[in-house]
Structure formats: C-alpha cells, structure tokens
Amino acid sequence: MSNYKAVSEHYLHGDLLKAIQTAISELGKTIDSITIEDLAPVDEFHIGGRQATEHFVDQLNFSKQDHVLDVGCGLGGASRYVAHRYNNQVTGIDLTEEYIETGNALCAWVKLHKHISLHQASALSMPFQDKTFDGAYMMHVGMNIDDKAELFKEIYRVLRPGASFGVYDVMRNKAGELIFPVP
C-alpha cells in the first residue's frame, strides 16, 4: 500500500483519548456513565454519523451468532453499535495505531470490550485466516485505498461463503491521479 504512512499520519491526533476524556467531563459525564450514544458524535465521523451507521448496518442482516469484521474501524464506533445492537462478536482493523488504542479504551468504558477486538492492520494484508468472518462492512475506507481490486480480494479471502458484506463509501474507480488521503 503505497499511501499507508500518509493515510495513517493524516488521522493521527497525538492525544486523542485525553481529548475525549476532557469532552466527556465537559458534558458532565464520567468514564463510568458514558454510553455508546454519548460517543457517537466523536467516534462515527463518516458522512451521516450514527444515523447512517444504523441505516447501513441494519440492512446487512447480521445474525446474533455472527462474527463480524469492521474494515477500517477508526475509533470503533460502528463496531460498538453492531456489538450492542446485535450482540455480535466484532473484530475491527485500522491503520492508525492511536485509533486502535483509543477505540479499545472506549470499548472498555462502555463495557463492550468482551465483544469487540480492535487491531492495527492494513485492509490489504489482514492478519486473519481464510474464511474467518460471517460478515463484514467498511465505511469510508475504500476512498483511501488505491488498489480497490486487492482490497476486495483480501476481504473476500477472510469471509466465509455466503457472508454479508456492505460498503458505505465514496470511491472513484476511473483512471487519474488521486492525492491520498481523502478527504
């Protein structure tokens, strides 16, 4: 992935967890009282936020027993929604280590850490065995991956036959130079 470092650095904050803790405190909440709804404006920063997550993920019809992959999970907001709403086991990957560390902390805060596992990894080379997941989705991830064919090949590799897979993204698939990361 030629733009791996640029994309990862673009999303780096430096002290994201502390910034979220400060914002939570300003809302009059504590780590013990925070909910996934409280976190949604911060950790679902794709177009449409939580409302888009609900509309999109609800169409994928995940079953309660499904192990679901969140490709490009960011802070894990959609992962938390899926785990909370459907009681699924969710595994997420993202390039940005700070997002993974922060996301795992947020999962612990809302008591979903036993249902969600977030890992730093590339969507083009996932650290999972073939046919691991019953379903998957990606939200605003493909727009930052130049090699779309390799992306979808890798996702196909880790999905079980008959798995649901959803894409909520802004992508261009025509020739021409793009400057990553976008937006």
Protein backbone atom coordinates (compact mmCIF):
# COMPACT_ATOMS: atom_id res chain seq x y z
CA MET A 1 0.00 0.00 0.00
CA SER A 2 1.90 3.00 -1.26
CA ASN A 3 -0.02 5.54 0.80
CA TYR A 4 -0.05 3.54 4.06
CA LYS A 5 2.07 6.00 6.04
CA ALA A 6 0.41 9.14 4.64
CA VAL A 7 -3.08 7.88 5.50
CA SER A 8 -2.08 6.75 8.97
CA GLU A 9 -0.32 10.03 9.77
CA HIS A 10 -3.20 12.10 8.35
CA TYR A 11 -5.53 10.72 11.01
CA LEU A 12 -3.04 10.90 13.90
CA HIS A 13 -4.13 13.24 16.70
CA GLY A 14 -1.44 12.71 19.33
CA ASP A 15 -3.54 12.64 22.48
CA LEU A 16 -6.98 11.61 21.32
CA LEU A 17 -8.05 9.66 24.39
CA LYS A 18 -7.27 12.59 26.68
CA ALA A 19 -9.22 14.94 24.39
CA ILE A 20 -12.23 12.61 24.53
CA GLN A 21 -11.96 12.36 28.32
CA THR A 22 -11.95 16.16 28.55
CA ALA A 23 -15.01 16.43 26.31
CA ILE A 24 -16.82 13.78 28.34
CA SER A 25 -16.10 15.70 31.53
CA GLU A 26 -17.40 18.91 29.94
CA LEU A 27 -20.66 17.06 29.19
CA GLY A 28 -20.97 16.21 32.87
CA LYS A 29 -20.26 12.54 32.22
CA THR A 30 -17.66 10.18 33.61
CA ILE A 31 -15.99 7.11 32.20
CA ASP A 32 -18.40 5.06 34.30
CA SER A 33 -21.52 6.82 32.99
CA ILE A 34 -20.65 7.25 29.30
CA THR A 35 -22.78 5.40 26.70
CA ILE A 36 -22.23 4.49 23.06
CA GLU A 37 -24.80 7.17 22.21
CA ASP A 38 -22.66 9.76 24.02
CA LEU A 39 -19.62 8.69 22.00
CA ALA A 40 -21.34 8.60 18.58
CA PRO A 41 -20.62 12.24 17.61
CA VAL A 42 -16.91 11.62 18.23
CA ASP A 43 -16.38 8.07 17.01
CA GLU A 44 -18.68 7.90 13.98
CA PHE A 45 -17.18 10.66 11.86
CA HIS A 46 -18.27 9.31 8.47
CA ILE A 47 -20.90 11.11 6.41
CA GLY A 48 -24.23 10.86 8.23
CA GLY A 49 -22.73 9.76 11.56
CA ARG A 50 -24.77 7.39 13.76
CA GLN A 51 -27.92 7.71 11.65
CA ALA A 52 -26.01 6.49 8.59
CA THR A 53 -24.50 3.64 10.62
CA GLU A 54 -27.94 2.49 11.73
CA HIS A 55 -29.43 2.68 8.24
CA PHE A 56 -26.45 0.96 6.61
CA VAL A 57 -25.70 -1.80 9.12
CA ASP A 58 -29.34 -2.70 9.70
CA GLN A 59 -29.55 -3.66 6.00
CA LEU A 60 -26.79 -6.26 6.39
CA ASN A 61 -28.99 -8.57 8.48
CA PHE A 62 -26.28 -9.92 10.75
CA SER A 63 -27.40 -12.83 12.90
CA LYS A 64 -26.77 -12.84 16.64
CA GLN A 65 -24.08 -15.52 16.41
CA ASP A 66 -22.14 -13.86 13.55
CA HIS A 67 -18.50 -12.85 13.91
CA VAL A 68 -18.33 -9.54 12.04
CA LEU A 69 -15.33 -7.67 10.60
CA ASP A 70 -15.21 -3.85 10.61
CA VAL A 71 -12.69 -2.93 7.88
CA GLY A 72 -11.15 0.44 8.73
CA CYS A 73 -12.86 0.67 12.10
CA GLY A 74 -11.40 4.01 13.15
CA LEU A 75 -12.29 4.50 16.82
CA GLY A 76 -14.69 1.56 16.69
CA GLY A 77 -17.97 3.47 16.80
CA ALA A 78 -19.70 1.28 14.24
CA SER A 79 -18.18 -1.80 15.91
CA ARG A 80 -19.74 -0.76 19.21
CA TYR A 81 -23.09 -0.16 17.51
CA VAL A 82 -23.06 -3.64 15.91
CA ALA A 83 -21.94 -5.38 19.12
CA HIS A 84 -24.52 -3.52 21.20
CA ARG A 85 -27.47 -3.77 18.80
CA TYR A 86 -26.96 -7.33 17.54
CA ASN A 87 -24.86 -8.85 20.32
CA ASN A 88 -22.26 -9.83 17.72
CA GLN A 89 -18.60 -10.51 18.24
CA VAL A 90 -16.87 -7.76 16.23
CA THR A 91 -13.26 -7.55 15.11
CA GLY A 92 -12.05 -4.25 13.68
CA ILE A 93 -8.89 -3.20 11.88
CA ASP A 94 -7.48 0.24 11.19
CA LEU A 95 -4.14 1.64 10.03
CA THR A 96 -3.88 4.23 12.77
CA GLU A 97 -2.49 2.80 16.00
CA GLU A 98 -3.83 5.70 18.05
CA TYR A 99 -7.35 4.94 16.81
CA ILE A 100 -6.98 1.31 17.86
CA GLU A 101 -5.65 2.18 21.31
CA THR A 102 -8.36 4.81 21.83
CA GLY A 103 -11.08 2.56 20.41
CA ASN A 104 -10.16 -0.31 22.71
CA ALA A 105 -10.29 2.06 25.70
CA LEU A 106 -13.72 3.34 24.61
CA CYS A 107 -14.95 -0.26 24.29
CA ALA A 108 -13.86 -0.89 27.88
CA TRP A 109 -15.56 2.29 29.08
CA VAL A 110 -18.93 1.15 27.69
CA LYS A 111 -18.39 -2.46 28.82
CA LEU A 112 -18.21 -3.92 25.30
CA HIS A 113 -14.54 -4.97 25.40
CA LYS A 114 -15.52 -8.66 25.64
CA HIS A 115 -17.46 -8.38 22.36
CA ILE A 116 -15.04 -6.21 20.38
CA SER A 117 -11.40 -6.65 19.44
CA LEU A 118 -9.67 -3.84 17.53
CA HIS A 119 -6.30 -4.35 15.79
CA GLN A 120 -3.82 -2.19 13.91
CA ALA A 121 -3.60 -3.69 10.42
CA SER A 122 -3.87 -2.94 6.72
CA ALA A 123 -7.02 -3.89 4.82
CA LEU A 124 -4.72 -5.13 2.05
CA SER A 125 -2.98 -7.68 4.29
CA MET A 126 -5.21 -8.71 7.17
CA PRO A 127 -3.79 -10.89 9.97
CA PHE A 128 -6.68 -13.37 9.80
CA GLN A 129 -7.06 -16.86 8.42
CA ASP A 130 -9.16 -17.55 5.36
CA LYS A 131 -12.93 -17.73 5.92
CA THR A 132 -12.84 -16.31 9.46
CA PHE A 133 -15.84 -13.94 9.39
CA ASP A 134 -19.58 -14.36 8.90
CA GLY A 135 -20.00 -10.79 7.74
CA ALA A 136 -18.12 -7.56 7.16
CA TYR A 137 -18.53 -3.92 6.30
CA MET A 138 -16.42 -0.89 5.56
CA MET A 139 -17.36 2.74 5.93
CA HIS A 140 -15.32 5.49 4.27
CA VAL A 141 -12.25 3.29 3.90
CA GLY A 142 -12.01 2.42 0.21
CA MET A 143 -11.63 6.09 -0.65
CA ASN A 144 -8.12 5.94 0.84
CA ILE A 145 -7.06 2.69 -0.82
CA ASP A 146 -5.72 2.97 -4.34
CA ASP A 147 -5.79 -0.76 -5.17
CA LYS A 148 -9.52 -1.50 -4.96
CA ALA A 149 -9.15 -4.92 -6.58
CA GLU A 150 -6.66 -6.02 -3.92
CA LEU A 151 -8.85 -4.59 -1.16
CA PHE A 152 -11.90 -6.58 -2.22
CA LYS A 153 -9.82 -9.69 -2.88
CA GLU A 154 -8.48 -9.56 0.69
CA ILE A 155 -11.94 -9.01 2.18
CA TYR A 156 -13.29 -11.93 0.13
CA ARG A 157 -10.45 -14.11 1.47
CA VAL A 158 -11.42 -13.61 5.12
CA LEU A 159 -15.18 -14.03 4.62
CA ARG A 160 -17.00 -17.33 4.88
CA PRO A 161 -19.10 -18.42 1.89
CA GLY A 162 -22.47 -16.68 1.95
CA ALA A 163 -21.26 -13.87 4.23
CA SER A 164 -22.89 -10.45 4.12
CA PHE A 165 -20.60 -7.60 3.08
CA GLY A 166 -21.54 -3.94 2.89
CA VAL A 167 -19.73 -0.89 1.57
CA TYR A 168 -20.62 2.66 2.59
CA ASP A 169 -18.02 4.76 0.88
CA VAL A 170 -17.07 7.46 -1.56
CA MET A 171 -14.79 6.00 -4.22
CA ARG A 172 -13.56 6.75 -7.69
CA ASN A 173 -12.72 3.82 -9.91
CA LYS A 174 -11.59 5.64 -13.05
CA ALA A 175 -8.07 6.42 -14.20
CA GLY A 176 -6.32 9.52 -12.99
CA GLU A 177 -4.17 10.57 -10.11
CA LEU A 178 -5.64 10.93 -6.65
CA ILE A 179 -3.80 12.51 -3.78
CA PHE A 180 -4.20 10.47 -0.62
CA PRO A 181 -5.55 10.66 1.97
CA VAL A 182 -9.04 11.82 1.08
CA PRO A 183 -10.99 13.77 2.25
